[in-house]
């Protein structure tokens, strides 16, 4: 049984569960950056995209479950995050989506389900818009698609602990370990100005989509999650009780059960 960590005290101290050992990892050079990836297992491909300021290690509690269900997991450190580098251009979700396609091409993945958390969810939905033939389904957890979907952030010990862990991991993994605050500012600028997709844009998505919203999400309004589910044709809305924006870390078994049901549906 996986441990619960509602206050993220364990995450701050130790991070998520360590990534499994794999010999299939490396970098893809794409559009001014080196994008790190790793793969685990075999079967239908599932790409896991982490949230802003984080890295692929934040999926440590999810990877064994997905691999154990008979699927191949691909994790990617987003541009400028974790082990991946970036150039001097501003962050954009579209640019990071193009990085995912570059990794898929390098791995000869014709199509994959994409699981996104926060910024990773936005990247996943951009992929569904821009490359629908490559995306088998999108698991969209804890993200907005226009500025109206965000809450005013109220500082809390849980958020502080997550930020502290991100700072430690950045110093350990990044090619620019002393530039964390510049990185935070650059990602923060993207979050304040993007994404800006309309209901009409969302209506053009025809990939299977599940919208996952936590009861106590610190950043995303429940009304926005309902709006997304109502605007994307065929999208389903799932509410996670008792957890927040950090559900994959707080109560991984609860999160994993919803994730597995989604993958069983879109990768049947």
C-alpha atoms as a PDB file:
ATOM      1  CA  UNK A   1       0.000   0.000   0.000  1.00  0.00           C
ATOM      2  CA  UNK A   2       1.380   3.393  -0.980  1.00  0.00           C
ATOM      3  CA  UNK A   3       1.769   5.996   1.780  1.00  0.00           C
ATOM      4  CA  UNK A   4      -0.419   9.083   2.057  1.00  0.00           C
ATOM      5  CA  UNK A   5       1.299  12.454   2.390  1.00  0.00           C
ATOM      6  CA  UNK A   6      -1.454  15.058   2.609  1.00  0.00           C
ATOM      7  CA  UNK A   7       0.803  17.798   3.983  1.00  0.00           C
ATOM      8  CA  UNK A   8       3.727  16.926   1.634  1.00  0.00           C
ATOM      9  CA  UNK A   9       6.109  16.577   4.579  1.00  0.00           C
ATOM     10  CA  UNK A  10       7.555  13.360   3.127  1.00  0.00           C
ATOM     11  CA  UNK A  11       7.751  14.885  -0.344  1.00  0.00           C
ATOM     12  CA  UNK A  12       9.662  17.896   0.930  1.00  0.00           C
ATOM     13  CA  UNK A  13      12.117  15.692   2.801  1.00  0.00           C
ATOM     14  CA  UNK A  14      12.601  12.876   0.298  1.00  0.00           C
ATOM     15  CA  UNK A  15      10.759  13.576  -2.960  1.00  0.00           C
ATOM     16  CA  UNK A  16       8.418  11.026  -4.538  1.00  0.00           C
ATOM     17  CA  UNK A  17       9.344   7.354  -4.862  1.00  0.00           C
ATOM     18  CA  UNK A  18      12.595   6.968  -6.848  1.00  0.00           C
ATOM     19  CA  UNK A  19      12.239   6.373 -10.569  1.00  0.00           C
ATOM     20  CA  UNK A  20      12.780   2.735 -11.582  1.00  0.00           C
ATOM     21  CA  UNK A  21      16.109   1.748 -13.098  1.00  0.00           C
ATOM     22  CA  UNK A  22      16.106   1.831 -16.896  1.00  0.00           C
ATOM     23  CA  UNK A  23      18.663   1.606 -19.657  1.00  0.00           C
ATOM     24  CA  UNK A  24      16.313   3.383 -22.055  1.00  0.00           C
ATOM     25  CA  UNK A  25      16.874   7.046 -21.337  1.00  0.00           C
ATOM     26  CA  UNK A  26      18.612   9.919 -23.022  1.00  0.00           C
ATOM     27  CA  UNK A  27      18.193  13.270 -24.736  1.00  0.00           C
ATOM     28  CA  UNK A  28      16.552  14.547 -27.896  1.00  0.00           C
ATOM     29  CA  UNK A  29      17.981  17.746 -29.340  1.00  0.00           C
ATOM     30  CA  UNK A  30      15.075  19.898 -30.473  1.00  0.00           C
ATOM     31  CA  UNK A  31      14.622  23.553 -31.312  1.00  0.00           C
ATOM     32  CA  UNK A  32      17.343  25.006 -29.104  1.00  0.00           C
ATOM     33  CA  UNK A  33      17.023  22.565 -26.199  1.00  0.00           C
ATOM     34  CA  UNK A  34      18.078  19.101 -25.045  1.00  0.00           C
ATOM     35  CA  UNK A  35      14.993  17.248 -23.859  1.00  0.00           C
ATOM     36  CA  UNK A  36      15.497  14.391 -21.383  1.00  0.00           C
ATOM     37  CA  UNK A  37      13.308  11.274 -21.490  1.00  0.00           C
ATOM     38  CA  UNK A  38      13.163   7.773 -20.035  1.00  0.00           C
ATOM     39  CA  UNK A  39      10.968   4.774 -20.783  1.00  0.00           C
ATOM     40  CA  UNK A  40       9.834   1.813 -18.700  1.00  0.00           C
ATOM     41  CA  UNK A  41       7.978  -1.400 -19.477  1.00  0.00           C
ATOM     42  CA  UNK A  42       6.339  -2.545 -22.683  1.00  0.00           C
ATOM     43  CA  UNK A  43       2.950  -2.299 -24.337  1.00  0.00           C
ATOM     44  CA  UNK A  44       0.736   0.594 -25.361  1.00  0.00           C
ATOM     45  CA  UNK A  45       2.643   3.857 -24.764  1.00  0.00           C
ATOM     46  CA  UNK A  46       1.617   6.276 -22.029  1.00  0.00           C
ATOM     47  CA  UNK A  47       3.414   9.627 -21.742  1.00  0.00           C
ATOM     48  CA  UNK A  48       3.495  11.278 -18.293  1.00  0.00           C
ATOM     49  CA  UNK A  49       3.970  15.074 -18.295  1.00  0.00           C
ATOM     50  CA  UNK A  50       4.791  16.705 -14.956  1.00  0.00           C
ATOM     51  CA  UNK A  51       3.735  20.106 -13.641  1.00  0.00           C
ATOM     52  CA  UNK A  52       5.435  23.482 -13.729  1.00  0.00           C
ATOM     53  CA  UNK A  53       8.715  23.775 -11.774  1.00  0.00           C
ATOM     54  CA  UNK A  54       8.770  19.988 -11.290  1.00  0.00           C
ATOM     55  CA  UNK A  55      10.315  17.094 -13.191  1.00  0.00           C
ATOM     56  CA  UNK A  56       9.584  13.495 -14.152  1.00  0.00           C
ATOM     57  CA  UNK A  57      10.584  12.171 -10.736  1.00  0.00           C
ATOM     58  CA  UNK A  58       7.322  13.565  -9.370  1.00  0.00           C
ATOM     59  CA  UNK A  59       5.584  10.597 -11.074  1.00  0.00           C
ATOM     60  CA  UNK A  60       7.421   8.064  -8.906  1.00  0.00           C
ATOM     61  CA  UNK A  61       4.196   6.648  -7.408  1.00  0.00           C
ATOM     62  CA  UNK A  62       2.448   6.322 -10.774  1.00  0.00           C
ATOM     63  CA  UNK A  63       5.063   4.677 -13.003  1.00  0.00           C
ATOM     64  CA  UNK A  64       5.027   1.224 -11.333  1.00  0.00           C
ATOM     65  CA  UNK A  65       1.242   1.073 -11.533  1.00  0.00           C
ATOM     66  CA  UNK A  66       1.125   1.940 -15.233  1.00  0.00           C
ATOM     67  CA  UNK A  67       3.963  -0.458 -16.086  1.00  0.00           C
ATOM     68  CA  UNK A  68       2.317  -3.142 -13.969  1.00  0.00           C
ATOM     69  CA  UNK A  69      -0.870  -2.791 -16.003  1.00  0.00           C
ATOM     70  CA  UNK A  70       1.049  -3.903 -19.107  1.00  0.00           C
ATOM     71  CA  UNK A  71       1.896  -0.551 -20.669  1.00  0.00           C
ATOM     72  CA  UNK A  72       5.017   1.320 -21.688  1.00  0.00           C
ATOM     73  CA  UNK A  73       5.638   4.544 -19.758  1.00  0.00           C
ATOM     74  CA  UNK A  74       7.530   7.476 -21.239  1.00  0.00           C
ATOM     75  CA  UNK A  75       8.458  10.346 -18.927  1.00  0.00           C
ATOM     76  CA  UNK A  76       9.764  13.636 -20.292  1.00  0.00           C
ATOM     77  CA  UNK A  77      11.348  16.529 -18.420  1.00  0.00           C
ATOM     78  CA  UNK A  78       9.745  19.617 -19.936  1.00  0.00           C
ATOM     79  CA  UNK A  79      12.003  22.213 -21.549  1.00  0.00           C
ATOM     80  CA  UNK A  80      14.087  23.938 -18.873  1.00  0.00           C
ATOM     81  CA  UNK A  81      12.810  21.577 -16.157  1.00  0.00           C
ATOM     82  CA  UNK A  82      14.702  18.748 -14.482  1.00  0.00           C
ATOM     83  CA  UNK A  83      17.471  17.475 -16.740  1.00  0.00           C
ATOM     84  CA  UNK A  84      16.211  19.274 -19.866  1.00  0.00           C
ATOM     85  CA  UNK A  85      17.780  22.515 -21.032  1.00  0.00           C
ATOM     86  CA  UNK A  86      16.273  25.612 -22.621  1.00  0.00           C
ATOM     87  CA  UNK A  87      17.399  28.563 -24.687  1.00  0.00           C
ATOM     88  CA  UNK A  88      16.702  32.231 -24.028  1.00  0.00           C
ATOM     89  CA  UNK A  89      13.197  32.251 -25.496  1.00  0.00           C
ATOM     90  CA  UNK A  90      10.165  32.595 -23.227  1.00  0.00           C
ATOM     91  CA  UNK A  91       8.413  29.409 -22.176  1.00  0.00           C
ATOM     92  CA  UNK A  92       5.258  28.562 -24.128  1.00  0.00           C
ATOM     93  CA  UNK A  93       2.989  25.561 -23.905  1.00  0.00           C
ATOM     94  CA  UNK A  94       3.087  25.163 -27.674  1.00  0.00           C
ATOM     95  CA  UNK A  95       6.882  24.998 -27.705  1.00  0.00           C
ATOM     96  CA  UNK A  96       6.878  22.372 -24.973  1.00  0.00           C
ATOM     97  CA  UNK A  97       4.220  20.406 -26.862  1.00  0.00           C
ATOM     98  CA  UNK A  98       6.511  20.377 -29.896  1.00  0.00           C
ATOM     99  CA  UNK A  99       9.246  18.917 -27.675  1.00  0.00           C
ATOM    100  CA  UNK A 100       6.954  16.015 -26.764  1.00  0.00           C
ATOM    101  CA  UNK A 101       6.329  15.285 -30.443  1.00  0.00           C
ATOM    102  CA  UNK A 102      10.094  15.338 -31.048  1.00  0.00           C
ATOM    103  CA  UNK A 103      10.586  12.691 -28.353  1.00  0.00           C
ATOM    104  CA  UNK A 104       7.744  10.619 -29.810  1.00  0.00           C
ATOM    105  CA  UNK A 105       9.393  10.799 -33.222  1.00  0.00           C
ATOM    106  CA  UNK A 106      12.777   9.801 -31.799  1.00  0.00           C
ATOM    107  CA  UNK A 107      11.167   6.781 -30.096  1.00  0.00           C
ATOM    108  CA  UNK A 108       9.089   5.906 -33.186  1.00  0.00           C
ATOM    109  CA  UNK A 109       5.843   6.298 -31.255  1.00  0.00           C
ATOM    110  CA  UNK A 110       3.003   6.687 -33.707  1.00  0.00           C
ATOM    111  CA  UNK A 111       0.402   7.336 -31.024  1.00  0.00           C
ATOM    112  CA  UNK A 112       0.234   7.541 -27.224  1.00  0.00           C
ATOM    113  CA  UNK A 113      -2.078   8.340 -24.353  1.00  0.00           C
ATOM    114  CA  UNK A 114      -0.898  11.448 -22.508  1.00  0.00           C
ATOM    115  CA  UNK A 115      -1.285  12.025 -18.783  1.00  0.00           C
ATOM    116  CA  UNK A 116      -0.747  15.637 -17.747  1.00  0.00           C
ATOM    117  CA  UNK A 117      -0.501  17.244 -14.325  1.00  0.00           C
ATOM    118  CA  UNK A 118      -0.930  21.030 -14.115  1.00  0.00           C
ATOM    119  CA  UNK A 119       1.274  22.571 -16.848  1.00  0.00           C
ATOM    120  CA  UNK A 120       1.721  19.066 -18.226  1.00  0.00           C
ATOM    121  CA  UNK A 121      -2.052  18.827 -18.649  1.00  0.00           C
ATOM    122  CA  UNK A 122      -2.089  22.009 -20.713  1.00  0.00           C
ATOM    123  CA  UNK A 123       0.711  20.615 -22.893  1.00  0.00           C
ATOM    124  CA  UNK A 124      -1.289  17.411 -23.330  1.00  0.00           C
ATOM    125  CA  UNK A 125      -4.396  19.253 -24.474  1.00  0.00           C
ATOM    126  CA  UNK A 126      -2.338  21.393 -26.876  1.00  0.00           C
ATOM    127  CA  UNK A 127      -1.113  18.127 -28.371  1.00  0.00           C
ATOM    128  CA  UNK A 128      -4.699  16.936 -28.761  1.00  0.00           C
ATOM    129  CA  UNK A 129      -5.480  20.145 -30.675  1.00  0.00           C
ATOM    130  CA  UNK A 130      -2.363  20.279 -32.826  1.00  0.00           C
ATOM    131  CA  UNK A 131      -1.574  16.600 -33.416  1.00  0.00           C
ATOM    132  CA  UNK A 132      -4.817  14.678 -32.860  1.00  0.00           C
ATOM    133  CA  UNK A 133      -3.708  11.629 -34.857  1.00  0.00           C
ATOM    134  CA  UNK A 134      -0.809  11.130 -32.417  1.00  0.00           C
ATOM    135  CA  UNK A 135      -2.845  11.284 -29.188  1.00  0.00           C
ATOM    136  CA  UNK A 136      -4.976   8.347 -28.020  1.00  0.00           C
ATOM    137  CA  UNK A 137      -6.432  10.242 -25.072  1.00  0.00           C
ATOM    138  CA  UNK A 138      -5.695  13.013 -22.570  1.00  0.00           C
ATOM    139  CA  UNK A 139      -5.852  12.711 -18.786  1.00  0.00           C
ATOM    140  CA  UNK A 140      -6.091  16.378 -17.792  1.00  0.00           C
ATOM    141  CA  UNK A 141      -5.381  16.921 -14.101  1.00  0.00           C
ATOM    142  CA  UNK A 142      -5.443  20.278 -12.332  1.00  0.00           C
ATOM    143  CA  UNK A 143      -5.012  22.878 -15.045  1.00  0.00           C
ATOM    144  CA  UNK A 144      -6.696  25.825 -16.747  1.00  0.00           C
ATOM    145  CA  UNK A 145      -7.037  26.626 -20.456  1.00  0.00           C
ATOM    146  CA  UNK A 146      -7.621  30.379 -20.061  1.00  0.00           C
ATOM    147  CA  UNK A 147      -6.875  32.905 -17.288  1.00  0.00           C
ATOM    148  CA  UNK A 148     -10.403  32.813 -15.893  1.00  0.00           C
ATOM    149  CA  UNK A 149      -9.776  29.333 -14.522  1.00  0.00           C
ATOM    150  CA  UNK A 150      -7.229  30.256 -11.878  1.00  0.00           C
ATOM    151  CA  UNK A 151      -7.726  31.158  -8.239  1.00  0.00           C
ATOM    152  CA  UNK A 152      -5.888  33.833  -6.297  1.00  0.00           C
ATOM    153  CA  UNK A 153      -3.068  31.907  -4.671  1.00  0.00           C
ATOM    154  CA  UNK A 154      -3.197  31.784  -0.886  1.00  0.00           C
ATOM    155  CA  UNK A 155       0.179  30.815   0.634  1.00  0.00           C
ATOM    156  CA  UNK A 156       0.173  27.636   2.700  1.00  0.00           C
ATOM    157  CA  UNK A 157       2.669  25.258   4.313  1.00  0.00           C
ATOM    158  CA  UNK A 158       1.805  22.601   1.697  1.00  0.00           C
ATOM    159  CA  UNK A 159       2.636  24.921  -1.197  1.00  0.00           C
ATOM    160  CA  UNK A 160       5.823  26.019   0.569  1.00  0.00           C
ATOM    161  CA  UNK A 161       6.933  22.411   1.017  1.00  0.00           C
ATOM    162  CA  UNK A 162       6.349  21.641  -2.654  1.00  0.00           C
ATOM    163  CA  UNK A 163       8.310  24.741  -3.691  1.00  0.00           C
ATOM    164  CA  UNK A 164      11.143  23.759  -1.361  1.00  0.00           C
ATOM    165  CA  UNK A 165      11.346  20.302  -2.952  1.00  0.00           C
ATOM    166  CA  UNK A 166      11.349  21.809  -6.443  1.00  0.00           C
ATOM    167  CA  UNK A 167      14.264  24.081  -5.480  1.00  0.00           C
ATOM    168  CA  UNK A 168      16.290  21.145  -4.150  1.00  0.00           C
ATOM    169  CA  UNK A 169      15.601  19.017  -7.225  1.00  0.00           C
ATOM    170  CA  UNK A 170      16.433  21.844  -9.612  1.00  0.00           C
ATOM    171  CA  UNK A 171      19.813  22.340  -7.925  1.00  0.00           C
ATOM    172  CA  UNK A 172      20.500  18.607  -8.196  1.00  0.00           C
ATOM    173  CA  UNK A 173      19.312  17.944 -11.760  1.00  0.00           C
ATOM    174  CA  UNK A 174      19.555  21.124 -13.813  1.00  0.00           C
ATOM    175  CA  UNK A 175      22.384  22.069 -16.161  1.00  0.00           C
ATOM    176  CA  UNK A 176      22.035  25.571 -14.633  1.00  0.00           C
ATOM    177  CA  UNK A 177      21.696  24.694 -10.928  1.00  0.00           C
ATOM    178  CA  UNK A 178      22.247  28.249  -9.682  1.00  0.00           C
ATOM    179  CA  UNK A 179      19.456  29.795 -11.762  1.00  0.00           C
ATOM    180  CA  UNK A 180      16.361  28.498  -9.971  1.00  0.00           C
ATOM    181  CA  UNK A 181      14.769  31.888  -9.283  1.00  0.00           C
ATOM    182  CA  UNK A 182      15.268  33.040 -12.886  1.00  0.00           C
ATOM    183  CA  UNK A 183      13.628  29.759 -13.931  1.00  0.00           C
ATOM    184  CA  UNK A 184      10.722  30.373 -11.532  1.00  0.00           C
ATOM    185  CA  UNK A 185      10.235  33.870 -12.942  1.00  0.00           C
ATOM    186  CA  UNK A 186      10.234  32.592 -16.534  1.00  0.00           C
ATOM    187  CA  UNK A 187       7.731  29.819 -15.829  1.00  0.00           C
ATOM    188  CA  UNK A 188       5.639  32.233 -13.759  1.00  0.00           C
ATOM    189  CA  UNK A 189       5.436  34.652 -16.670  1.00  0.00           C
ATOM    190  CA  UNK A 190       4.066  31.872 -18.877  1.00  0.00           C
ATOM    191  CA  UNK A 191       1.505  30.899 -16.252  1.00  0.00           C
ATOM    192  CA  UNK A 192       0.322  34.508 -15.899  1.00  0.00           C
ATOM    193  CA  UNK A 193      -0.094  35.087 -19.643  1.00  0.00           C
ATOM    194  CA  UNK A 194      -1.008  31.637 -20.980  1.00  0.00           C
ATOM    195  CA  UNK A 195      -2.917  29.586 -22.005  1.00  0.00           C
ATOM    196  CA  UNK A 196      -5.593  31.525 -23.859  1.00  0.00           C
ATOM    197  CA  UNK A 197      -7.775  28.954 -25.596  1.00  0.00           C
ATOM    198  CA  UNK A 198     -11.449  29.661 -26.287  1.00  0.00           C
ATOM    199  CA  UNK A 199     -14.537  27.501 -26.027  1.00  0.00           C
ATOM    200  CA  UNK A 200     -14.439  27.280 -29.820  1.00  0.00           C
ATOM    201  CA  UNK A 201     -10.882  25.924 -29.661  1.00  0.00           C
ATOM    202  CA  UNK A 202     -11.932  23.337 -27.094  1.00  0.00           C
ATOM    203  CA  UNK A 203     -14.929  22.294 -29.185  1.00  0.00           C
ATOM    204  CA  UNK A 204     -12.539  21.223 -31.947  1.00  0.00           C
ATOM    205  CA  UNK A 205     -10.924  18.568 -29.727  1.00  0.00           C
ATOM    206  CA  UNK A 206     -12.152  15.084 -30.623  1.00  0.00           C
ATOM    207  CA  UNK A 207      -9.630  13.011 -28.683  1.00  0.00           C
ATOM    208  CA  UNK A 208     -10.988  11.230 -25.581  1.00  0.00           C
ATOM    209  CA  UNK A 209     -10.425  13.546 -22.608  1.00  0.00           C
ATOM    210  CA  UNK A 210     -10.902  13.090 -18.870  1.00  0.00           C
ATOM    211  CA  UNK A 211     -10.913  16.262 -16.738  1.00  0.00           C
ATOM    212  CA  UNK A 212      -9.688  15.504 -13.210  1.00  0.00           C
ATOM    213  CA  UNK A 213     -10.257  18.074 -10.471  1.00  0.00           C
ATOM    214  CA  UNK A 214      -9.312  17.841  -6.791  1.00  0.00           C
ATOM    215  CA  UNK A 215     -11.704  18.968  -4.088  1.00  0.00           C
ATOM    216  CA  UNK A 216      -9.132  21.311  -2.540  1.00  0.00           C
ATOM    217  CA  UNK A 217      -7.112  22.413  -5.578  1.00  0.00           C
ATOM    218  CA  UNK A 218      -5.195  25.531  -4.571  1.00  0.00           C
ATOM    219  CA  UNK A 219      -4.880  26.962  -8.083  1.00  0.00           C
ATOM    220  CA  UNK A 220      -7.785  25.879 -10.317  1.00  0.00           C
ATOM    221  CA  UNK A 221     -11.477  26.685  -9.921  1.00  0.00           C
ATOM    222  CA  UNK A 222     -13.975  23.830  -9.906  1.00  0.00           C
ATOM    223  CA  UNK A 223     -16.202  25.920 -12.179  1.00  0.00           C
ATOM    224  CA  UNK A 224     -13.425  25.966 -14.763  1.00  0.00           C
ATOM    225  CA  UNK A 225     -13.050  22.191 -14.682  1.00  0.00           C
ATOM    226  CA  UNK A 226     -16.795  21.891 -15.271  1.00  0.00           C
ATOM    227  CA  UNK A 227     -16.544  24.393 -18.136  1.00  0.00           C
ATOM    228  CA  UNK A 228     -13.758  22.378 -19.764  1.00  0.00           C
ATOM    229  CA  UNK A 229     -15.714  19.151 -19.450  1.00  0.00           C
ATOM    230  CA  UNK A 230     -18.744  20.840 -20.999  1.00  0.00           C
ATOM    231  CA  UNK A 231     -16.780  22.451 -23.827  1.00  0.00           C
ATOM    232  CA  UNK A 232     -14.746  19.451 -25.022  1.00  0.00           C
ATOM    233  CA  UNK A 233     -16.938  16.977 -26.922  1.00  0.00           C
ATOM    234  CA  UNK A 234     -17.371  13.748 -24.975  1.00  0.00           C
ATOM    235  CA  UNK A 235     -15.124  14.812 -22.095  1.00  0.00           C
ATOM    236  CA  UNK A 236     -15.751  13.313 -18.668  1.00  0.00           C
ATOM    237  CA  UNK A 237     -15.283  15.067 -15.327  1.00  0.00           C
ATOM    238  CA  UNK A 238     -13.937  13.256 -12.257  1.00  0.00           C
ATOM    239  CA  UNK A 239     -13.686  14.830  -8.804  1.00  0.00           C
ATOM    240  CA  UNK A 240     -11.063  13.643  -6.300  1.00  0.00           C
ATOM    241  CA  UNK A 241     -12.273  14.154  -2.707  1.00  0.00           C
ATOM    242  CA  UNK A 242      -9.987  15.116   0.143  1.00  0.00           C
ATOM    243  CA  UNK A 243      -6.930  16.076  -1.904  1.00  0.00           C
ATOM    244  CA  UNK A 244      -5.471  19.140  -3.593  1.00  0.00           C
ATOM    245  CA  UNK A 245      -3.321  20.090  -6.593  1.00  0.00           C
ATOM    246  CA  UNK A 246      -0.769  17.567  -5.340  1.00  0.00           C
ATOM    247  CA  UNK A 247      -3.023  14.492  -5.318  1.00  0.00           C
ATOM    248  CA  UNK A 248      -0.540  12.156  -7.081  1.00  0.00           C
ATOM    249  CA  UNK A 249       1.767  12.660  -4.101  1.00  0.00           C
ATOM    250  CA  UNK A 250      -0.811  13.073  -1.343  1.00  0.00           C
ATOM    251  CA  UNK A 251      -2.933   9.964  -1.931  1.00  0.00           C
ATOM    252  CA  UNK A 252      -1.348   8.045  -4.811  1.00  0.00           C
ATOM    253  CA  UNK A 253      -3.596   5.000  -4.613  1.00  0.00           C
ATOM    254  CA  UNK A 254      -6.723   7.161  -4.962  1.00  0.00           C
ATOM    255  CA  UNK A 255      -5.189   9.030  -7.898  1.00  0.00           C
ATOM    256  CA  UNK A 256      -3.886   5.857  -9.521  1.00  0.00           C
ATOM    257  CA  UNK A 257      -7.278   4.166  -9.467  1.00  0.00           C
ATOM    258  CA  UNK A 258      -8.797   6.984 -11.532  1.00  0.00           C
ATOM    259  CA  UNK A 259      -5.777   7.009 -13.851  1.00  0.00           C
ATOM    260  CA  UNK A 260      -5.928   3.263 -14.422  1.00  0.00           C
ATOM    261  CA  UNK A 261      -9.641   3.400 -15.255  1.00  0.00           C
ATOM    262  CA  UNK A 262      -8.907   6.092 -17.841  1.00  0.00           C
ATOM    263  CA  UNK A 263      -6.090   4.101 -19.447  1.00  0.00           C
ATOM    264  CA  UNK A 264      -8.239   0.969 -19.526  1.00  0.00           C
ATOM    265  CA  UNK A 265     -10.873   2.937 -21.394  1.00  0.00           C
ATOM    266  CA  UNK A 266      -8.719   4.688 -24.011  1.00  0.00           C
ATOM    267  CA  UNK A 267      -6.209   1.861 -24.519  1.00  0.00           C
ATOM    268  CA  UNK A 268      -8.636  -1.043 -24.448  1.00  0.00           C
END
